[in-house]
Protein backbone atom coordinates (compact mmCIF):
# COMPACT_ATOMS: atom_id res chain seq x y z
CA MET A 1 -8.90 -1.27 10.00
CA TYR A 2 -6.47 1.14 11.33
CA LEU A 3 -2.81 1.30 9.97
CA GLN A 4 0.34 3.03 11.15
CA SER A 5 1.34 3.95 7.59
CA TYR A 6 0.24 3.31 4.13
CA GLN A 7 0.55 5.41 0.72
CA ARG A 8 -2.63 6.35 -1.01
CA THR A 9 -2.95 7.39 -4.57
CA ASN A 10 -5.40 10.03 -5.46
CA SER A 11 -6.71 9.70 -8.96
CA ASP A 12 -9.75 11.01 -10.38
CA ARG A 13 -10.75 11.98 -6.64
CA GLN A 14 -10.76 8.40 -5.82
CA ASN A 15 -8.36 6.97 -3.17
CA TYR A 16 -6.10 3.82 -4.10
CA VAL A 17 -3.65 1.82 -2.52
CA PHE A 18 -1.36 -0.95 -3.72
CA VAL A 19 -1.95 -4.38 -2.15
CA VAL A 20 0.86 -7.22 -2.53
CA ASN A 21 -0.77 -10.44 -4.00
CA GLU A 22 1.68 -13.12 -2.50
CA THR A 23 -0.12 -15.84 -4.92
CA ASP A 24 1.24 -14.22 -8.19
CA GLY A 25 4.05 -12.04 -6.79
CA LYS A 26 2.45 -8.87 -8.27
CA VAL A 27 0.98 -5.73 -6.68
CA GLU A 28 -2.75 -4.90 -7.30
CA GLN A 29 -3.99 -1.17 -7.26
CA ARG A 30 -7.24 -1.06 -5.18
CA LYS A 31 -9.92 1.41 -4.70
CA ILE A 32 -10.45 2.32 -1.10
CA GLU A 33 -12.70 4.20 1.11
CA GLN A 34 -10.90 6.13 3.84
CA GLY A 35 -12.20 6.76 7.23
CA ILE A 36 -10.69 8.72 10.09
CA GLU A 37 -7.09 10.09 9.68
CA GLY A 38 -5.10 11.05 12.74
CA LEU A 39 -1.60 11.97 13.24
CA ALA A 40 -0.28 8.54 13.76
CA LYS A 41 -3.04 6.36 12.05
CA LYS A 42 -5.24 6.29 9.03
CA GLU A 43 -8.38 4.07 8.88
CA ILE A 44 -9.60 2.14 5.69
CA ILE A 45 -13.18 1.23 5.85
CA GLU A 46 -13.36 -0.64 2.69
CA GLY A 47 -11.19 -2.27 -0.13
CA VAL A 48 -8.58 -3.83 2.06
CA GLU A 49 -9.18 -7.07 4.25
CA PRO A 50 -7.25 -7.59 7.59
CA GLY A 51 -3.85 -9.40 7.04
CA GLU A 52 -3.24 -8.10 3.53
CA LYS A 53 0.11 -6.41 2.95
CA LEU A 54 0.14 -2.79 1.53
CA VAL A 55 2.91 -1.15 -0.21
CA THR A 56 4.13 1.72 2.18
CA GLU A 57 6.93 3.12 0.11
CA GLY A 58 7.88 3.52 -3.55
CA LYS A 59 4.23 3.77 -4.96
CA ASN A 60 5.34 6.36 -7.49
CA ARG A 61 6.99 3.60 -9.65
CA LEU A 62 4.15 1.16 -9.42
CA VAL A 63 1.47 0.22 -11.89
CA ASN A 64 -1.28 -2.20 -11.41
CA GLY A 65 0.05 -5.55 -11.94
CA ALA A 66 3.71 -4.78 -11.53
CA PRO A 67 5.76 -7.50 -9.97
CA LYS A 68 6.67 -6.93 -6.16
CA SER A 69 10.16 -6.36 -5.18
CA LYS A 70 11.75 -6.05 -1.77
CA LYS A 71 13.73 -3.05 -0.52
CA PRO A 72 17.42 -3.83 -1.02
CA LYS A 73 19.18 -4.69 2.19
CA LYS A 74 21.67 -2.17 3.37
CA LYS A 75 25.36 -3.28 3.69
CA PRO A 76 26.72 -2.82 7.30
CA CYS A 77 28.93 -0.06 7.57
CA CYS A 78 32.58 -0.64 8.56
């Protein structure tokens, strides 16, 4: 699976991503195996299934099992 952007966490020399669980409304931290990393795309070869939603911003405030939240909408100017 190739992705435009995702944030990975490197902990104990392991790569992790946060996956949104739509069933319970929480995020799950998952170990991944990363493949090729290019300038525009990154490959995940294990740990995430096609169609699953990954956290792409704000991972520094997340822990496993945290409730998901949407980015606040920006109010239009003027």
